[in-house]
Amino acid sequence: MASGSAVLDPSLHGVSSTPGENEYPSGFPLSICDEVPKEKYLCSNCNNVLNKARQTVCGHRYCLACVNWLVRNNKDLLCTKCKEDPSVENDTSVLTLDQFFNDAAINKEILDLNVHCANQGCLWRSTLKNFEDHQGQCEYALIPCNIGCGLLVQRKSLATHLETGCPNNKTTCPSCSGVLTLRELQKHVCPNSSDKKMTKTDKRQKNNHPGSSKKKEPCIFSDVGCPFKGNADKVKEHESCSHVGHLQLLLDVTRALQRTLHFSAERGYHESPDLLQHGQCSASLTSQSEGEIETDGGDPGVSDKALSLHDDQAEIAVGQQLDALQQRVQVMENIISALNREVEKTQISVVAMERDNYNGQQLIQHLETKVAEQQQRLVRKEIHITSLQQCISAQQDISYDGTFLWRLCDVSQRLKEAASGQKISQYSPDFYTARYGFKVCMRLYLNGDGVGKGTHISLFFVIMRGEYDPILSWPFRHKVTFFLIDQNQREHVVDAFRPDLTSASFHRPISEMNVASGCPLFFPLGKLKSPKHAYCKDDTIYIKCVVDISS
């Protein structure tokens, strides 16, 4: 559980965005988990899987959204779990914003839970940390229609819904200016249009009425030369994907009409046989298919009327095609508008996520700085503790009466190190000849030094620089006695010497310690493990030094 001073979480101070259609305002539902989640992963308020878990001082966990809701709607907020347990009476059960802490450890465990998509038909499976990203783009997610018809449709079916089923996706009839849905437009019979001007689409819808024959239908552009025929579905599919070819046919007919009218106006309708043949060929694309107009090439008046009727029919066909294209453009614009709103919504979500990510990075940097500072403090405290331990150890071992007993363990290992030259000598802890006397120590060569090297143990006396040197009498002139203790208490080895007052070893130290002086032939190595005496027992020896301050 988090303790100490809390880093204020901006999300606990009312700073929260409205959840999107695929976000869970509180915890994640239990139904998305592959396995039943543990109790510690559940919110104490909504009992769902924790979403951005926050832990209380009393040790219970809540979703971030539940925390905001509870704090906003309760004055003296008590922990839900603590209220259920009457035996708990603790001040920590009263909750305020500063008593909620981000539980990073439990959040990491929760995000690693195995989950699946709850949308019907979706086979997605992964971990919880990828769940919300998937929900934002799941093709099977139910989302509200962007035009506001009130229906919920799957994301993958939104475009189809807007094109064929949305009652709010309306267009305007080009003839009567009536506002109609796409379904209404398909059944709409414009009062401003006569039966003679009925479009091919209207005729096809009429023919599709129950009871009509099931013969193959021509394309709406058959009047201008399109040879395609088929059932209603195939004709509709053909018309929806052949815009370029149809427009080219319309363009050819329009150009032919313009040329015919131009030549007729110049020559007073006295065309040559070739020109009449060309005009009749162009007109036959429309007039002959319907059987509505019959022309006689020998009568100029009849030819004039035929050309006039042909011109009207071509204009009607072009106008109808343009109206159909405008209706399709209107539908596509509505779909594009809906998709644009989806894109804008996604962009807003991305901006919010980037902002949250930036805030999270700032918080991480702040916490990393705090951690670095605490680590530096911890290092300094450890150094200080080590120094204090050394001081305590020195105080425990120190002697102020001129007598010091030195216990050395692992003698066999020390002898090997001395013989190999790894560590030829070692110093004893320092001690004092009196409470405010000389500071001294012993220096031991287990493999000998000087004339005793390799054959004897050499033991020397060392005078160190001490705190009370200025008030002491120099040179050092007291008798020094060394003892190698027989642990069987039979025969101790004793050697003593008096200082050479002319030697620098016994004058006041200038450096940390003077040159050692003493007994290079203190004890033969061959007798160290004598069976008669226990100078070395359990791989341990005891050396004693006595300074006679009375002499």
Protein backbone atom coordinates (compact mmCIF):
# COMPACT_ATOMS: atom_id res chain seq x y z
CA MET A 1 0.00 0.00 0.00
CA ALA A 2 1.24 3.44 -0.86
CA SER A 3 2.52 5.51 2.03
CA GLY A 4 4.23 8.80 2.69
CA SER A 5 3.46 11.98 0.87
CA ALA A 6 1.22 11.40 -2.11
CA VAL A 7 1.94 12.82 -5.53
CA LEU A 8 -1.27 14.59 -6.49
CA ASP A 9 -3.02 12.90 -9.40
CA PRO A 10 -4.69 15.47 -11.69
CA SER A 11 -7.36 12.91 -12.57
CA LEU A 12 -8.56 13.02 -8.94
CA HIS A 13 -9.46 16.69 -9.11
CA GLY A 14 -12.29 16.64 -11.58
CA VAL A 15 -10.08 16.63 -14.64
CA SER A 16 -11.68 13.88 -16.70
CA SER A 17 -13.09 13.71 -20.19
CA THR A 18 -16.47 12.28 -21.12
CA PRO A 19 -16.04 8.65 -22.09
CA GLY A 20 -16.48 7.75 -25.73
CA GLU A 21 -18.90 5.18 -27.06
CA ASN A 22 -16.41 2.33 -26.61
CA GLU A 23 -15.00 3.40 -23.23
CA TYR A 24 -16.13 2.06 -19.87
CA PRO A 25 -16.95 4.91 -17.45
CA SER A 26 -16.14 2.73 -14.44
CA GLY A 27 -14.69 -0.79 -14.30
CA PHE A 28 -14.33 -3.30 -17.11
CA PRO A 29 -17.14 -5.92 -17.19
CA LEU A 30 -16.32 -9.35 -15.83
CA SER A 31 -17.75 -10.93 -19.00
CA ILE A 32 -14.74 -9.93 -21.12
CA CYS A 33 -12.27 -11.89 -18.97
CA ASP A 34 -11.21 -15.37 -20.11
CA GLU A 35 -10.95 -16.46 -16.45
CA VAL A 36 -12.76 -15.27 -13.33
CA PRO A 37 -10.62 -12.40 -11.99
CA LYS A 38 -9.26 -12.46 -8.46
CA GLU A 39 -10.96 -10.46 -5.71
CA LYS A 40 -8.07 -8.00 -5.53
CA TYR A 41 -8.73 -7.00 -9.15
CA LEU A 42 -12.34 -5.88 -8.44
CA CYS A 43 -13.55 -2.36 -7.62
CA SER A 44 -15.00 -1.87 -4.12
CA ASN A 45 -17.79 0.29 -5.59
CA CYS A 46 -18.91 -1.09 -8.98
CA ASN A 47 -17.54 -4.64 -8.42
CA ASN A 48 -16.16 -4.68 -11.98
CA VAL A 49 -12.53 -5.19 -13.00
CA LEU A 50 -10.58 -2.11 -11.87
CA ASN A 51 -10.11 0.60 -14.49
CA LYS A 52 -7.17 2.88 -13.52
CA ALA A 53 -7.06 1.51 -9.96
CA ARG A 54 -6.71 3.81 -6.96
CA GLN A 55 -5.94 2.48 -3.48
CA THR A 56 -7.21 4.01 -0.23
CA VAL A 57 -5.32 4.47 3.01
CA CYS A 58 -7.41 1.66 4.49
CA GLY A 59 -6.16 -0.71 1.77
CA HIS A 60 -9.19 -1.04 -0.54
CA ARG A 61 -9.23 -0.30 -4.26
CA TYR A 62 -11.56 1.72 -6.50
CA CYS A 63 -11.79 2.66 -10.19
CA LEU A 64 -10.74 6.23 -10.97
CA ALA A 65 -14.24 7.05 -12.28
CA CYS A 66 -15.82 5.60 -9.11
CA VAL A 67 -13.49 7.73 -6.96
CA ASN A 68 -14.51 10.91 -8.81
CA TRP A 69 -18.21 10.03 -8.57
CA LEU A 70 -18.09 9.10 -4.86
CA VAL A 71 -16.09 12.19 -3.84
CA ARG A 72 -18.33 14.48 -5.89
CA ASN A 73 -21.59 13.09 -4.47
CA ASN A 74 -20.68 12.46 -0.80
CA LYS A 75 -19.66 14.88 1.92
CA ASP A 76 -18.26 12.55 4.56
CA LEU A 77 -17.23 9.66 2.34
CA LEU A 78 -16.67 6.33 4.07
CA CYS A 79 -14.96 3.37 2.44
CA THR A 80 -17.61 1.00 1.06
CA LYS A 81 -15.79 -2.11 2.24
CA CYS A 82 -15.13 -0.69 5.70
CA LYS A 83 -18.84 0.12 6.13
CA GLU A 84 -19.69 -3.52 5.40
CA ASP A 85 -17.45 -4.65 8.28
CA PRO A 86 -18.90 -3.30 11.59
CA SER A 87 -15.79 -4.36 13.50
CA VAL A 88 -13.72 -1.79 11.62
CA GLU A 89 -13.69 1.62 13.27
CA ASN A 90 -10.79 3.57 11.94
CA ASP A 91 -10.19 7.14 10.91
CA THR A 92 -8.71 5.84 7.66
CA SER A 93 -12.22 4.75 6.58
CA VAL A 94 -13.13 8.41 6.05
CA LEU A 95 -11.90 9.18 2.56
CA THR A 96 -10.83 12.40 0.87
CA LEU A 97 -9.04 13.02 -2.42
CA ASP A 98 -5.60 13.05 -0.81
CA GLN A 99 -6.23 9.55 0.60
CA PHE A 100 -6.41 7.88 -2.83
CA PHE A 101 -3.17 6.71 -4.39
CA ASN A 102 -2.38 5.36 -7.85
CA ASP A 103 -1.81 1.60 -7.46
CA ALA A 104 0.73 1.04 -10.25
CA ALA A 105 1.48 -2.57 -9.27
CA ILE A 106 -2.13 -3.79 -9.41
CA ASN A 107 -2.73 -1.80 -12.62
CA LYS A 108 0.17 -3.66 -14.29
CA GLU A 109 -1.26 -7.03 -13.22
CA ILE A 110 -4.75 -6.11 -14.44
CA LEU A 111 -3.52 -4.95 -17.85
CA ASP A 112 -1.93 -8.40 -18.35
CA LEU A 113 -5.26 -10.24 -17.88
CA ASN A 114 -6.43 -12.28 -20.89
CA VAL A 115 -9.67 -10.89 -22.34
CA HIS A 116 -11.90 -11.18 -25.43
CA CYS A 117 -14.21 -8.80 -27.27
CA ALA A 118 -17.79 -8.70 -25.98
CA ASN A 119 -19.27 -7.58 -29.32
CA GLN A 120 -21.32 -10.30 -30.99
CA GLY A 121 -19.49 -11.86 -33.93
CA CYS A 122 -16.02 -10.50 -33.05
CA LEU A 123 -13.29 -13.13 -32.51
CA TRP A 124 -10.62 -10.75 -31.11
CA ARG A 125 -8.59 -11.98 -28.11
CA SER A 126 -5.63 -10.36 -26.37
CA THR A 127 -4.69 -8.74 -23.04
CA LEU A 128 -6.60 -5.98 -21.29
CA LYS A 129 -4.01 -3.33 -22.14
CA ASN A 130 -5.04 -3.67 -25.82
CA PHE A 131 -8.78 -3.87 -25.12
CA GLU A 132 -9.73 -0.18 -25.31
CA ASP A 133 -7.72 0.32 -28.51
CA HIS A 134 -9.61 -2.58 -30.07
CA GLN A 135 -12.98 -1.23 -28.89
CA GLY A 136 -12.22 2.05 -30.64
CA GLN A 137 -11.95 0.26 -34.02
CA CYS A 138 -13.95 -2.97 -33.64
CA GLU A 139 -16.04 -3.51 -36.78
CA TYR A 140 -18.72 -5.28 -34.72
CA ALA A 141 -19.15 -2.48 -32.14
CA LEU A 142 -22.61 -0.90 -31.97
CA ILE A 143 -22.39 2.85 -32.54
CA PRO A 144 -25.16 5.46 -32.92
CA CYS A 145 -26.01 6.72 -36.40
CA ASN A 146 -24.11 9.94 -37.01
CA ILE A 147 -27.07 11.61 -38.69
CA GLY A 148 -29.11 11.18 -35.52
CA CYS A 149 -31.80 8.69 -36.49
CA GLY A 150 -31.48 7.06 -33.05
CA LEU A 151 -30.52 3.61 -34.31
CA LEU A 152 -27.46 1.65 -33.18
CA VAL A 153 -25.60 -0.03 -36.03
CA GLN A 154 -22.38 -2.01 -36.27
CA ARG A 155 -19.43 0.15 -37.26
CA LYS A 156 -18.81 -1.91 -40.39
CA SER A 157 -22.47 -1.39 -41.48
CA LEU A 158 -22.57 2.38 -40.97
CA ALA A 159 -22.01 3.26 -44.64
CA THR A 160 -24.65 0.76 -45.81
CA HIS A 161 -27.10 2.05 -43.20
CA LEU A 162 -26.60 5.65 -44.32
CA GLU A 163 -27.02 4.67 -47.97
CA THR A 164 -30.04 2.38 -47.72
CA GLY A 165 -31.68 2.41 -44.31
CA CYS A 166 -31.22 5.71 -42.48
CA PRO A 167 -34.52 7.67 -42.30
CA ASN A 168 -32.59 10.89 -41.72
CA ASN A 169 -30.42 10.53 -44.82
CA LYS A 170 -32.70 12.56 -47.11
CA THR A 171 -32.41 14.06 -50.56
CA THR A 172 -34.51 16.41 -52.69
CA CYS A 173 -36.54 15.43 -55.76
CA PRO A 174 -35.24 17.56 -58.66
CA SER A 175 -38.72 17.90 -60.20
CA CYS A 176 -41.06 18.61 -57.28
CA SER A 177 -38.40 19.65 -54.67
CA GLY A 178 -39.84 17.19 -52.17
CA VAL A 179 -37.55 16.05 -49.33
CA LEU A 180 -37.46 12.24 -49.39
CA THR A 181 -35.49 9.40 -47.88
CA LEU A 182 -33.73 7.03 -50.24
CA ARG A 183 -36.42 4.39 -49.79
CA GLU A 184 -39.16 6.94 -50.41
CA LEU A 185 -37.31 8.26 -53.46
CA GLN A 186 -37.21 4.78 -55.00
CA LYS A 187 -41.03 4.56 -54.79
CA HIS A 188 -41.67 8.23 -55.50
CA VAL A 189 -43.79 9.16 -58.54
CA CYS A 190 -43.26 12.85 -59.16
CA PRO A 191 -46.58 14.66 -59.86
CA ASN A 192 -44.73 17.05 -62.21
CA SER A 193 -43.78 14.20 -64.56
CA SER A 194 -46.20 12.65 -67.09
CA ASP A 195 -46.32 9.01 -68.01
CA LYS A 196 -44.60 9.89 -71.26
CA LYS A 197 -41.67 11.31 -69.31
CA MET A 198 -41.47 8.42 -66.87
CA THR A 199 -37.85 7.45 -66.35
CA LYS A 200 -36.49 4.04 -67.06
CA THR A 201 -35.94 3.61 -63.30
CA ASP A 202 -39.66 4.25 -62.66
CA LYS A 203 -40.61 1.83 -65.39
CA ARG A 204 -38.27 -0.79 -63.94
CA GLN A 205 -39.78 -0.30 -60.46
CA LYS A 206 -43.21 -0.62 -62.01
CA ASN A 207 -42.20 -3.78 -63.81
CA ASN A 208 -40.73 -5.12 -60.56
CA HIS A 209 -44.12 -4.83 -58.89
CA PRO A 210 -45.60 -8.23 -57.85
CA GLY A 211 -47.26 -9.78 -60.82
CA SER A 212 -45.01 -8.23 -63.44
CA SER A 213 -43.06 -10.43 -65.83
CA LYS A 214 -39.55 -11.56 -64.96
CA LYS A 215 -38.05 -10.80 -68.39
CA LYS A 216 -34.60 -9.23 -68.67
CA GLU A 217 -34.56 -5.46 -68.33
CA PRO A 218 -32.45 -3.05 -70.36
CA CYS A 219 -30.03 -0.53 -68.87
CA ILE A 220 -31.46 2.94 -68.29
CA PHE A 221 -28.94 4.14 -70.88
CA SER A 222 -30.17 1.78 -73.58
CA ASP A 223 -31.69 4.79 -75.38
CA VAL A 224 -28.20 6.17 -75.93
CA GLY A 225 -26.63 2.91 -77.05
CA CYS A 226 -25.91 0.78 -73.93
CA PRO A 227 -26.56 -2.86 -74.91
CA PHE A 228 -26.61 -4.32 -71.35
CA LYS A 229 -29.65 -6.39 -70.24
CA GLY A 230 -30.28 -8.47 -67.15
CA ASN A 231 -32.37 -8.89 -64.01
CA ALA A 232 -33.01 -5.94 -61.69
CA ASP A 233 -30.06 -6.61 -59.39
CA LYS A 234 -27.55 -7.01 -62.21
CA VAL A 235 -28.86 -3.90 -63.99
CA LYS A 236 -28.53 -1.92 -60.75
CA GLU A 237 -24.97 -3.18 -60.21
CA HIS A 238 -24.11 -2.37 -63.86
CA GLU A 239 -25.50 1.16 -63.58
CA SER A 240 -23.60 1.82 -60.33
CA CYS A 241 -20.19 0.90 -61.77
CA SER A 242 -20.44 2.09 -65.42
CA HIS A 243 -20.67 5.86 -64.98
CA VAL A 244 -17.76 6.65 -67.29
CA GLY A 245 -19.09 4.57 -70.20
CA HIS A 246 -22.59 5.96 -69.82
CA LEU A 247 -21.35 9.53 -69.74
CA GLN A 248 -19.34 8.85 -72.92
CA LEU A 249 -22.50 7.57 -74.66
CA LEU A 250 -24.41 10.67 -73.56
CA LEU A 251 -21.61 12.87 -74.79
CA ASP A 252 -21.62 11.15 -78.24
CA VAL A 253 -25.39 11.54 -78.61
CA THR A 254 -25.27 15.18 -77.52
CA ARG A 255 -22.53 15.97 -80.05
CA ALA A 256 -24.46 14.19 -82.83
CA LEU A 257 -27.59 16.19 -81.99
CA GLN A 258 -25.64 19.43 -81.99
CA ARG A 259 -24.19 18.64 -85.41
CA THR A 260 -27.60 17.67 -86.80
CA LEU A 261 -29.28 20.82 -85.55
CA HIS A 262 -26.41 22.94 -86.83
CA PHE A 263 -26.61 21.55 -90.37
CA SER A 264 -30.41 21.68 -90.36
CA ALA A 265 -30.42 25.34 -89.39
CA GLU A 266 -27.91 26.24 -92.13
CA ARG A 267 -29.52 24.33 -95.00
CA GLY A 268 -33.17 24.82 -94.06
CA TYR A 269 -33.53 21.15 -93.34
CA HIS A 270 -32.52 20.17 -96.91
CA GLU A 271 -29.93 17.71 -95.86
CA SER A 272 -28.01 15.53 -98.19
CA PRO A 273 -28.82 11.79 -98.08
CA ASP A 274 -25.62 11.16 -96.08
CA LEU A 275 -26.52 13.75 -93.44
CA LEU A 276 -30.06 12.50 -93.10
CA GLN A 277 -28.72 8.99 -92.73
CA HIS A 278 -26.38 10.22 -89.93
CA GLY A 279 -29.18 12.06 -88.12
CA GLN A 280 -31.52 9.11 -88.40
CA CYS A 281 -28.80 6.84 -87.00
CA SER A 282 -28.36 9.08 -83.96
CA ALA A 283 -32.09 9.45 -83.40
CA SER A 284 -32.66 5.71 -83.64
CA LEU A 285 -30.78 5.23 -80.32
CA THR A 286 -33.85 6.59 -78.53
CA SER A 287 -36.89 6.69 -80.83
CA GLN A 288 -36.79 3.17 -82.17
CA SER A 289 -36.27 1.50 -78.77
CA GLU A 290 -39.48 2.98 -77.37
CA GLY A 291 -41.47 2.91 -80.57
CA GLU A 292 -42.94 6.28 -79.74
CA ILE A 293 -41.75 8.23 -82.85
CA GLU A 294 -41.74 7.12 -86.48
CA THR A 295 -40.08 9.29 -89.12
CA ASP A 296 -40.46 9.44 -92.89
CA GLY A 297 -37.23 10.53 -94.51
CA GLY A 298 -39.10 11.92 -97.54
CA ASP A 299 -41.12 14.67 -95.74
CA PRO A 300 -39.11 17.65 -94.43
CA GLY A 301 -41.93 18.67 -92.03
CA VAL A 302 -42.09 15.26 -90.52
CA SER A 303 -38.28 15.26 -90.27
CA ASP A 304 -38.42 18.58 -88.47
CA LYS A 305 -40.91 17.22 -85.95
CA ALA A 306 -38.85 14.05 -85.47
CA LEU A 307 -35.72 16.03 -84.77
CA SER A 308 -37.62 18.22 -82.29
CA LEU A 309 -39.04 15.19 -80.47
CA HIS A 310 -35.63 13.54 -80.54
CA ASP A 311 -34.08 16.66 -79.00
CA ASP A 312 -36.66 16.70 -76.18
CA GLN A 313 -36.19 13.04 -75.42
CA ALA A 314 -32.39 13.39 -75.35
CA GLU A 315 -32.66 16.33 -72.97
CA ILE A 316 -35.04 14.35 -70.73
CA ALA A 317 -32.65 11.36 -70.71
CA VAL A 318 -29.65 13.55 -69.89
CA GLY A 319 -31.61 15.39 -67.19
CA GLN A 320 -32.77 12.13 -65.62
CA GLN A 321 -29.25 10.78 -65.60
CA LEU A 322 -27.93 13.95 -64.03
CA ASP A 323 -30.68 13.80 -61.39
CA ALA A 324 -29.73 10.22 -60.58
CA LEU A 325 -26.07 11.19 -60.32
CA GLN A 326 -26.93 14.15 -58.08
CA GLN A 327 -28.88 11.86 -55.78
CA ARG A 328 -25.93 9.49 -55.55
CA VAL A 329 -23.57 12.40 -54.92
CA GLN A 330 -25.87 13.56 -52.11
CA VAL A 331 -25.79 10.10 -50.51
CA MET A 332 -22.01 9.93 -50.81
CA GLU A 333 -21.68 13.39 -49.28
CA ASN A 334 -23.74 12.26 -46.29
CA ILE A 335 -21.56 9.18 -45.88
CA ILE A 336 -18.38 11.26 -46.19
CA SER A 337 -19.77 13.72 -43.64
CA ALA A 338 -20.43 10.88 -41.20
CA LEU A 339 -16.95 9.45 -41.76
CA ASN A 340 -15.43 12.91 -41.28
CA ARG A 341 -17.15 13.15 -37.91
CA GLU A 342 -15.68 9.76 -37.02
CA VAL A 343 -12.23 11.00 -38.04
CA GLU A 344 -12.65 14.21 -36.02
CA LYS A 345 -13.74 12.18 -33.01
CA THR A 346 -10.71 9.92 -33.40
CA GLN A 347 -8.42 12.95 -33.73
CA ILE A 348 -9.86 14.41 -30.52
CA SER A 349 -9.25 11.07 -28.78
CA VAL A 350 -5.67 10.99 -30.10
CA VAL A 351 -5.05 14.53 -28.83
CA ALA A 352 -6.45 13.59 -25.43
CA MET A 353 -4.28 10.47 -25.31
CA GLU A 354 -1.21 12.49 -26.31
CA ARG A 355 -1.98 14.99 -23.57
CA ASP A 356 -2.43 12.20 -21.03
CA ASN A 357 0.80 10.61 -22.26
CA TYR A 358 2.65 13.93 -21.88
CA ASN A 359 1.27 14.39 -18.36
CA GLY A 360 2.25 10.82 -17.57
CA GLN A 361 5.79 11.39 -18.86
CA GLN A 362 6.06 14.55 -16.76
CA LEU A 363 4.86 12.66 -13.70
CA ILE A 364 7.31 9.82 -14.40
CA GLN A 365 10.19 12.31 -14.72
CA HIS A 366 9.16 13.96 -11.46
CA LEU A 367 9.01 10.60 -9.69
CA GLU A 368 12.33 9.50 -11.21
CA THR A 369 13.91 12.69 -9.88
CA LYS A 370 12.46 11.98 -6.44
CA VAL A 371 13.70 8.39 -6.57
CA ALA A 372 17.20 9.56 -7.57
CA GLU A 373 17.23 12.03 -4.67
CA GLN A 374 16.10 9.32 -2.24
CA GLN A 375 18.77 6.94 -3.56
CA GLN A 376 21.46 9.58 -3.02
CA ARG A 377 20.18 10.16 0.50
CA LEU A 378 20.17 6.42 1.10
CA VAL A 379 23.79 6.12 -0.06
CA ARG A 380 24.84 8.98 2.25
CA LYS A 381 23.00 7.40 5.16
CA GLU A 382 24.58 4.01 4.48
CA ILE A 383 28.05 5.62 4.47
CA HIS A 384 27.24 7.38 7.71
CA ILE A 385 25.92 4.17 9.27
CA THR A 386 29.06 2.29 8.20
CA SER A 387 31.22 4.99 9.78
CA LEU A 388 29.25 4.82 13.01
CA GLN A 389 29.53 1.03 13.06
CA GLN A 390 33.27 1.28 12.64
CA CYS A 391 33.47 3.79 15.47
CA ILE A 392 31.36 1.56 17.72
CA SER A 393 33.50 -1.45 16.84
CA ALA A 394 36.67 0.50 17.56
CA GLN A 395 35.29 1.70 20.88
CA GLN A 396 34.43 -1.86 21.84
CA ASP A 397 37.92 -3.19 21.00
CA ILE A 398 39.95 -0.27 22.32
CA SER A 399 41.93 -0.48 25.56
CA TYR A 400 43.11 2.41 27.75
CA ASP A 401 45.32 0.58 30.31
CA GLY A 402 48.35 -0.36 28.19
CA THR A 403 47.27 -4.00 27.91
CA PHE A 404 45.75 -5.47 24.75
CA LEU A 405 44.81 -9.06 23.86
CA TRP A 406 44.71 -9.72 20.11
CA ARG A 407 42.71 -12.70 18.81
CA LEU A 408 43.58 -13.92 15.28
CA CYS A 409 41.34 -16.45 13.50
CA ASP A 410 41.95 -18.39 10.26
CA VAL A 411 45.65 -18.70 11.00
CA SER A 412 46.23 -21.35 8.30
CA GLN A 413 44.82 -19.08 5.59
CA ARG A 414 46.78 -16.12 6.87
CA LEU A 415 50.00 -18.19 6.85
CA LYS A 416 49.40 -19.15 3.20
CA GLU A 417 48.80 -15.52 2.23
CA ALA A 418 51.94 -14.43 4.07
CA ALA A 419 54.08 -17.18 2.47
CA SER A 420 52.78 -16.34 -1.02
CA GLY A 421 53.36 -12.62 -0.49
CA GLN A 422 49.68 -11.68 -0.86
CA LYS A 423 49.51 -10.18 2.63
CA ILE A 424 52.83 -10.37 4.45
CA SER A 425 51.80 -8.45 7.57
CA GLN A 426 48.74 -7.25 9.48
CA TYR A 427 48.06 -4.66 12.15
CA SER A 428 46.19 -5.14 15.38
CA PRO A 429 43.48 -2.69 16.46
CA ASP A 430 45.00 0.37 18.10
CA PHE A 431 44.96 0.84 21.90
CA TYR A 432 46.25 3.36 24.44
CA THR A 433 48.84 3.11 27.20
CA ALA A 434 46.53 5.20 29.42
CA ARG A 435 43.24 7.08 29.10
CA TYR A 436 45.10 10.07 27.68
CA GLY A 437 48.33 8.24 26.88
CA PHE A 438 50.22 7.03 23.82
CA LYS A 439 48.30 5.53 20.89
CA VAL A 440 49.96 2.24 19.83
CA CYS A 441 49.34 -1.06 17.99
CA MET A 442 51.13 -4.31 17.05
CA ARG A 443 52.33 -5.46 13.62
CA LEU A 444 52.56 -9.20 12.99
CA TYR A 445 54.52 -11.03 10.26
CA LEU A 446 53.31 -14.67 10.34
CA ASN A 447 56.00 -15.75 7.85
CA GLY A 448 58.65 -13.61 9.53
CA ASP A 449 60.48 -10.45 8.56
CA GLY A 450 64.18 -9.65 8.21
CA VAL A 451 66.36 -12.25 9.92
CA GLY A 452 63.30 -14.28 10.89
CA LYS A 453 61.72 -14.49 7.43
CA GLY A 454 60.55 -17.99 6.61
CA THR A 455 61.55 -19.43 10.01
CA HIS A 456 59.96 -17.35 12.76
CA ILE A 457 56.93 -15.28 13.54
CA SER A 458 58.00 -11.63 13.81
CA LEU A 459 56.12 -9.27 16.15
CA PHE A 460 56.68 -5.51 16.33
CA PHE A 461 55.45 -2.58 18.37
CA VAL A 462 54.21 0.54 16.55
CA ILE A 463 53.67 4.04 17.94
CA MET A 464 50.84 5.90 16.15
CA ARG A 465 49.96 9.55 15.95
CA GLY A 466 47.43 10.22 18.70
CA GLU A 467 45.14 12.95 19.94
CA TYR A 468 47.20 13.62 23.07
CA ASP A 469 50.73 13.64 21.61
CA PRO A 470 51.31 17.38 22.31
CA ILE A 471 50.99 16.89 26.09
CA LEU A 472 52.99 13.65 26.34
CA SER A 473 56.68 13.22 27.23
CA TRP A 474 58.87 12.16 24.27
CA PRO A 475 60.66 9.95 23.34
CA PHE A 476 58.64 6.87 24.32
CA ARG A 477 60.57 5.10 27.11
CA HIS A 478 58.24 2.41 28.57
CA LYS A 479 59.01 -1.34 28.63
CA VAL A 480 57.02 -3.46 26.17
CA THR A 481 56.27 -7.17 26.75
CA PHE A 482 54.80 -9.59 24.13
CA PHE A 483 52.99 -12.85 25.00
CA LEU A 484 51.99 -15.76 22.76
CA ILE A 485 49.31 -17.45 24.85
CA ASP A 486 49.39 -21.22 25.39
CA GLN A 487 45.68 -22.06 25.29
CA ASN A 488 46.40 -25.10 27.51
CA GLN A 489 47.67 -22.63 30.11
CA ARG A 490 51.03 -24.45 30.46
CA GLU A 491 53.82 -22.33 29.02
CA HIS A 492 53.27 -18.95 27.43
CA VAL A 493 55.89 -17.50 25.08
CA VAL A 494 57.18 -14.20 26.51
CA ASP A 495 59.53 -11.63 24.95
CA ALA A 496 60.20 -8.07 26.12
CA PHE A 497 62.29 -5.08 25.10
CA ARG A 498 63.02 -1.54 26.14
CA PRO A 499 62.87 1.28 23.61
CA ASP A 500 66.04 2.61 21.97
CA LEU A 501 65.64 6.29 22.77
CA THR A 502 67.83 7.24 19.82
CA SER A 503 65.62 5.42 17.32
CA ALA A 504 63.05 7.43 15.35
CA SER A 505 60.58 4.62 16.01
CA PHE A 506 60.06 5.98 19.55
CA HIS A 507 59.99 9.72 18.85
CA ARG A 508 56.81 11.70 18.35
CA PRO A 509 55.20 10.54 15.06
CA ILE A 510 55.27 12.90 12.09
CA SER A 511 53.14 10.64 9.85
CA GLU A 512 50.25 8.38 10.84
CA MET A 513 52.60 5.89 12.46
CA ASN A 514 56.32 5.34 13.10
CA VAL A 515 58.49 2.50 11.78
CA ALA A 516 57.72 -0.71 13.68
CA SER A 517 60.31 -1.99 16.15
CA GLY A 518 60.33 -5.18 18.18
CA CYS A 519 61.14 -8.91 17.95
CA PRO A 520 61.94 -10.36 14.47
CA LEU A 521 62.61 -13.81 16.05
CA PHE A 522 59.55 -13.81 18.33
CA PHE A 523 58.52 -17.47 17.86
CA PRO A 524 59.69 -20.39 15.64
CA LEU A 525 57.14 -21.40 13.01
CA GLY A 526 57.91 -25.09 13.54
CA LYS A 527 56.60 -25.01 17.12
CA LEU A 528 53.36 -23.20 16.28
CA LYS A 529 51.40 -26.46 16.08
CA SER A 530 53.32 -28.34 18.79
CA PRO A 531 51.21 -31.19 20.26
CA LYS A 532 52.46 -30.38 23.72
CA HIS A 533 51.35 -26.77 23.67
CA ALA A 534 48.21 -25.20 22.24
CA TYR A 535 49.61 -22.00 20.80
CA CYS A 536 47.34 -22.47 17.81
CA LYS A 537 44.06 -24.12 18.64
CA ASP A 538 40.97 -24.23 16.43
CA ASP A 539 43.03 -22.27 13.87
CA THR A 540 43.19 -19.35 16.34
CA ILE A 541 46.07 -17.70 18.25
CA TYR A 542 46.09 -15.10 21.02
CA ILE A 543 48.82 -12.44 21.26
CA LYS A 544 49.04 -10.13 24.23
CA CYS A 545 50.93 -6.84 24.58
CA VAL A 546 51.62 -5.14 27.90
CA VAL A 547 53.13 -1.65 28.18
CA ASP A 548 54.60 -0.98 31.59
CA ILE A 549 53.73 2.67 32.14
CA SER A 550 55.27 2.58 35.63
CA SER A 551 58.80 2.08 34.28
